Amino acid sequence: MPLYDYRCPDGDVFEVFFSMHDKPDTVACPGCGQNAVSQMPAIGPSKSSSAQMRVLDATKATAEAPQVVNSISGTRTSKRPSTPMTRNPLHHKLPRP
């Protein structure tokens, strides 16, 4: 069963277990007895080793100081072989890059 956070008017926050089907919007505060309102749950990636967290961390790291490319490296800098031309008339209708 999920754990839900509730906040009473006095500012106290407490947690209560409810099934997703039976979760009420308000419950009685165990400290003061007033109606406590359900809080918005924090939703996000739960595993710090997940691929999604690695992407978020990499995005945050490059937000302030992005990496600058100083030179082109790798095998793509060599001349590419030419692409063979097609003679099929239907290929002429395709969009060009």
N, C-alpha and C. Protein backbone atom coordinates (compact mmCIF):
# COMPACT_ATOMS: atom_id res chain seq x y z
N MET A 1 0.84 -1.18 0.00
CA MET A 1 0.00 0.00 0.00
C MET A 1 0.88 1.25 0.00
N PRO A 2 0.49 2.26 -0.73
CA PRO A 2 1.27 3.50 -0.78
C PRO A 2 1.15 4.31 0.51
N LEU A 3 2.18 5.09 0.74
CA LEU A 3 2.24 5.97 1.91
C LEU A 3 1.97 7.39 1.44
N TYR A 4 0.99 8.07 2.06
CA TYR A 4 0.59 9.41 1.65
C TYR A 4 0.92 10.42 2.75
N ASP A 5 1.32 11.63 2.35
CA ASP A 5 1.61 12.71 3.29
C ASP A 5 0.38 13.61 3.43
N TYR A 6 0.10 14.01 4.67
CA TYR A 6 -0.99 14.93 4.98
C TYR A 6 -0.45 16.06 5.84
N ARG A 7 -0.99 17.27 5.66
CA ARG A 7 -0.58 18.43 6.46
C ARG A 7 -1.82 19.02 7.12
N CYS A 8 -1.73 19.19 8.45
CA CYS A 8 -2.86 19.77 9.17
C CYS A 8 -2.73 21.30 9.16
N PRO A 9 -3.79 22.04 9.51
CA PRO A 9 -3.74 23.51 9.50
C PRO A 9 -2.67 24.09 10.41
N ASP A 10 -2.25 23.36 11.44
CA ASP A 10 -1.19 23.84 12.33
C ASP A 10 0.20 23.68 11.72
N GLY A 11 0.30 22.99 10.59
CA GLY A 11 1.59 22.81 9.91
C GLY A 11 2.24 21.47 10.14
N ASP A 12 1.64 20.61 10.93
CA ASP A 12 2.22 19.29 11.18
C ASP A 12 2.02 18.40 9.95
N VAL A 13 3.08 17.67 9.58
CA VAL A 13 3.02 16.74 8.44
C VAL A 13 3.13 15.33 9.00
N PHE A 14 2.26 14.44 8.54
CA PHE A 14 2.30 13.05 8.97
C PHE A 14 1.97 12.16 7.78
N GLU A 15 2.31 10.87 7.92
CA GLU A 15 2.12 9.92 6.83
C GLU A 15 1.09 8.87 7.22
N VAL A 16 0.30 8.44 6.23
CA VAL A 16 -0.74 7.44 6.46
C VAL A 16 -0.75 6.49 5.27
N PHE A 17 -0.94 5.18 5.56
CA PHE A 17 -1.06 4.18 4.50
C PHE A 17 -2.52 4.06 4.07
N PHE A 18 -2.77 4.11 2.77
CA PHE A 18 -4.08 3.86 2.19
C PHE A 18 -3.88 3.13 0.87
N SER A 19 -4.86 2.36 0.47
CA SER A 19 -4.80 1.81 -0.88
C SER A 19 -5.10 2.95 -1.86
N MET A 20 -4.68 2.81 -3.08
CA MET A 20 -4.89 3.88 -4.07
C MET A 20 -6.38 4.14 -4.29
N HIS A 21 -7.16 3.11 -4.14
CA HIS A 21 -8.60 3.23 -4.37
C HIS A 21 -9.30 3.95 -3.23
N ASP A 22 -8.80 3.77 -2.00
CA ASP A 22 -9.49 4.29 -0.81
C ASP A 22 -8.89 5.57 -0.25
N LYS A 23 -7.96 6.22 -0.91
CA LYS A 23 -7.28 7.40 -0.37
C LYS A 23 -8.25 8.58 -0.27
N PRO A 24 -8.47 9.11 0.96
CA PRO A 24 -9.33 10.29 1.10
C PRO A 24 -8.53 11.58 0.89
N ASP A 25 -9.22 12.68 0.60
CA ASP A 25 -8.57 13.97 0.43
C ASP A 25 -8.18 14.59 1.78
N THR A 26 -8.96 14.32 2.81
CA THR A 26 -8.65 14.82 4.15
C THR A 26 -8.78 13.70 5.17
N VAL A 27 -7.96 13.76 6.23
CA VAL A 27 -8.04 12.82 7.35
C VAL A 27 -7.87 13.63 8.64
N ALA A 28 -8.24 13.04 9.75
CA ALA A 28 -8.08 13.71 11.05
C ALA A 28 -6.62 13.64 11.47
N CYS A 29 -6.07 14.77 11.89
CA CYS A 29 -4.69 14.85 12.36
C CYS A 29 -4.57 14.08 13.68
N PRO A 30 -3.57 13.20 13.82
CA PRO A 30 -3.44 12.46 15.08
C PRO A 30 -3.03 13.34 16.25
N GLY A 31 -2.43 14.51 16.00
CA GLY A 31 -1.98 15.39 17.07
C GLY A 31 -3.07 16.32 17.59
N CYS A 32 -3.79 16.98 16.66
CA CYS A 32 -4.76 17.99 17.09
C CYS A 32 -6.20 17.63 16.74
N GLY A 33 -6.42 16.65 15.86
CA GLY A 33 -7.77 16.24 15.51
C GLY A 33 -8.43 17.04 14.40
N GLN A 34 -7.75 18.09 13.87
CA GLN A 34 -8.32 18.88 12.77
C GLN A 34 -8.19 18.11 11.46
N ASN A 35 -8.92 18.57 10.44
CA ASN A 35 -8.83 17.95 9.13
C ASN A 35 -7.51 18.31 8.46
N ALA A 36 -6.74 17.29 8.10
CA ALA A 36 -5.46 17.47 7.42
C ALA A 36 -5.66 17.21 5.94
N VAL A 37 -5.01 18.02 5.11
CA VAL A 37 -5.17 17.96 3.66
C VAL A 37 -4.04 17.13 3.05
N SER A 38 -4.38 16.36 2.03
CA SER A 38 -3.40 15.54 1.33
C SER A 38 -2.40 16.42 0.59
N GLN A 39 -1.12 16.06 0.64
CA GLN A 39 -0.06 16.80 -0.04
C GLN A 39 0.19 16.18 -1.41
N MET A 40 0.70 17.00 -2.33
CA MET A 40 1.06 16.51 -3.65
C MET A 40 2.28 15.61 -3.52
N PRO A 41 2.25 14.41 -4.08
CA PRO A 41 3.40 13.52 -3.94
C PRO A 41 4.57 14.00 -4.80
N ALA A 42 5.77 13.72 -4.34
CA ALA A 42 6.98 14.03 -5.11
C ALA A 42 7.22 12.87 -6.06
N ILE A 43 7.18 13.15 -7.35
CA ILE A 43 7.32 12.11 -8.36
C ILE A 43 8.65 12.32 -9.09
N GLY A 44 9.38 11.27 -9.28
CA GLY A 44 10.65 11.37 -9.99
C GLY A 44 11.34 10.02 -10.05
N PRO A 45 12.51 9.98 -10.63
CA PRO A 45 13.23 8.70 -10.71
C PRO A 45 13.60 8.22 -9.31
N SER A 46 13.43 6.94 -9.08
CA SER A 46 13.65 6.42 -7.74
C SER A 46 15.00 5.76 -7.57
N LYS A 47 15.65 5.35 -8.64
CA LYS A 47 16.94 4.68 -8.52
C LYS A 47 18.05 5.62 -8.98
N SER A 48 19.02 5.85 -8.11
CA SER A 48 20.08 6.78 -8.46
C SER A 48 21.04 6.20 -9.48
N SER A 49 21.00 4.90 -9.71
CA SER A 49 21.89 4.30 -10.70
C SER A 49 21.19 4.08 -12.04
N SER A 50 19.99 4.57 -12.18
CA SER A 50 19.25 4.34 -13.41
C SER A 50 19.78 5.20 -14.55
N ALA A 51 19.48 4.81 -15.74
CA ALA A 51 19.91 5.57 -16.92
C ALA A 51 19.28 6.95 -16.93
N GLN A 52 18.06 7.06 -16.45
CA GLN A 52 17.39 8.36 -16.42
C GLN A 52 18.11 9.32 -15.48
N MET A 53 18.56 8.84 -14.33
CA MET A 53 19.29 9.70 -13.40
C MET A 53 20.63 10.12 -13.99
N ARG A 54 21.31 9.23 -14.73
CA ARG A 54 22.58 9.60 -15.36
C ARG A 54 22.37 10.70 -16.38
N VAL A 55 21.28 10.62 -17.14
CA VAL A 55 20.99 11.67 -18.12
C VAL A 55 20.68 12.99 -17.43
N LEU A 56 19.90 12.94 -16.36
CA LEU A 56 19.58 14.17 -15.62
C LEU A 56 20.84 14.79 -15.02
N ASP A 57 21.72 13.96 -14.48
CA ASP A 57 22.96 14.48 -13.92
C ASP A 57 23.86 15.09 -14.99
N ALA A 58 23.94 14.44 -16.15
CA ALA A 58 24.76 14.98 -17.24
C ALA A 58 24.18 16.29 -17.76
N THR A 59 22.87 16.39 -17.80
CA THR A 59 22.22 17.62 -18.25
C THR A 59 22.49 18.76 -17.28
N LYS A 60 22.39 18.48 -16.00
CA LYS A 60 22.67 19.50 -14.99
C LYS A 60 24.13 19.93 -15.03
N ALA A 61 25.04 18.99 -15.26
CA ALA A 61 26.46 19.31 -15.28
C ALA A 61 26.82 20.21 -16.45
N THR A 62 26.15 20.06 -17.58
CA THR A 62 26.49 20.87 -18.75
C THR A 62 25.66 22.15 -18.85
N ALA A 63 24.72 22.35 -17.93
CA ALA A 63 23.87 23.54 -18.00
C ALA A 63 24.67 24.81 -17.72
N GLU A 64 25.58 24.76 -16.75
CA GLU A 64 26.35 25.94 -16.38
C GLU A 64 27.60 26.10 -17.23
N ALA A 65 28.26 25.00 -17.54
CA ALA A 65 29.52 25.06 -18.30
C ALA A 65 29.51 23.98 -19.37
N PRO A 66 28.91 24.25 -20.52
CA PRO A 66 28.85 23.24 -21.57
C PRO A 66 30.23 22.96 -22.14
N GLN A 67 30.43 21.73 -22.58
CA GLN A 67 31.69 21.37 -23.20
C GLN A 67 31.78 22.02 -24.57
N VAL A 68 32.98 22.50 -24.91
CA VAL A 68 33.20 23.17 -26.18
C VAL A 68 34.03 22.26 -27.07
N VAL A 69 33.62 22.11 -28.32
CA VAL A 69 34.36 21.29 -29.28
C VAL A 69 35.46 22.15 -29.87
N ASN A 70 36.72 21.72 -29.68
CA ASN A 70 37.86 22.46 -30.21
C ASN A 70 38.32 21.95 -31.55
N SER A 71 38.12 20.66 -31.79
CA SER A 71 38.53 20.09 -33.08
C SER A 71 37.67 18.88 -33.38
N ILE A 72 37.64 18.52 -34.63
CA ILE A 72 36.88 17.35 -35.07
C ILE A 72 37.83 16.17 -35.05
N SER A 73 37.39 15.08 -34.44
CA SER A 73 38.23 13.90 -34.37
C SER A 73 37.43 12.68 -34.78
N GLY A 74 38.13 11.57 -35.00
CA GLY A 74 37.45 10.34 -35.33
C GLY A 74 37.59 9.97 -36.78
N THR A 75 36.95 8.89 -37.15
CA THR A 75 37.07 8.37 -38.51
C THR A 75 36.12 9.06 -39.48
N ARG A 76 35.19 9.83 -39.00
CA ARG A 76 34.23 10.48 -39.90
C ARG A 76 34.84 11.66 -40.64
N THR A 77 36.04 12.07 -40.25
CA THR A 77 36.64 13.21 -40.93
C THR A 77 37.22 12.83 -42.28
N SER A 78 37.44 11.52 -42.49
CA SER A 78 37.95 11.11 -43.80
C SER A 78 36.84 11.19 -44.84
N LYS A 79 37.22 11.20 -46.11
CA LYS A 79 36.23 11.34 -47.18
C LYS A 79 35.32 10.12 -47.22
N ARG A 80 34.06 10.37 -47.30
CA ARG A 80 33.08 9.30 -47.37
C ARG A 80 32.98 8.77 -48.79
N PRO A 81 32.64 7.50 -48.92
CA PRO A 81 32.37 6.99 -50.27
C PRO A 81 31.07 7.59 -50.78
N SER A 82 31.00 7.79 -52.07
CA SER A 82 29.81 8.40 -52.65
C SER A 82 28.62 7.45 -52.54
N THR A 83 27.45 8.03 -52.39
CA THR A 83 26.22 7.25 -52.31
C THR A 83 25.78 6.89 -53.72
N PRO A 84 25.48 5.61 -53.98
CA PRO A 84 25.06 5.23 -55.33
C PRO A 84 23.72 5.89 -55.67
N MET A 85 23.58 6.34 -56.89
CA MET A 85 22.35 6.98 -57.35
C MET A 85 21.35 5.91 -57.78
N THR A 86 20.10 6.15 -57.49
CA THR A 86 19.05 5.23 -57.88
C THR A 86 18.37 5.74 -59.14
N ARG A 87 17.89 4.83 -59.90
CA ARG A 87 17.16 5.19 -61.13
C ARG A 87 15.67 4.91 -61.00
N ASN A 88 15.22 4.54 -59.84
CA ASN A 88 13.82 4.25 -59.61
C ASN A 88 13.04 5.57 -59.59
N PRO A 89 12.03 5.75 -60.46
CA PRO A 89 11.29 7.01 -60.50
C PRO A 89 10.51 7.30 -59.22
N LEU A 90 10.16 6.29 -58.46
CA LEU A 90 9.44 6.51 -57.21
C LEU A 90 10.33 7.18 -56.16
N HIS A 91 11.62 6.97 -56.24
CA HIS A 91 12.54 7.57 -55.28
C HIS A 91 12.67 9.08 -55.47
N HIS A 92 12.30 9.59 -56.61
CA HIS A 92 12.37 11.03 -56.86
C HIS A 92 11.31 11.80 -56.05
N LYS A 93 10.28 11.09 -55.60
CA LYS A 93 9.22 11.73 -54.80
C LYS A 93 9.60 11.85 -53.33
N LEU A 94 10.65 11.15 -52.91
CA LEU A 94 11.05 11.20 -51.51
C LEU A 94 11.70 12.53 -51.17
N PRO A 95 11.57 12.99 -49.94
CA PRO A 95 12.18 14.28 -49.56
C PRO A 95 13.71 14.16 -49.56
N ARG A 96 14.35 15.23 -49.90
CA ARG A 96 15.82 15.30 -49.94
C ARG A 96 16.33 15.84 -48.62
N PRO A 97 17.49 15.36 -48.17
CA PRO A 97 18.05 15.88 -46.91
C PRO A 97 18.56 17.29 -47.06
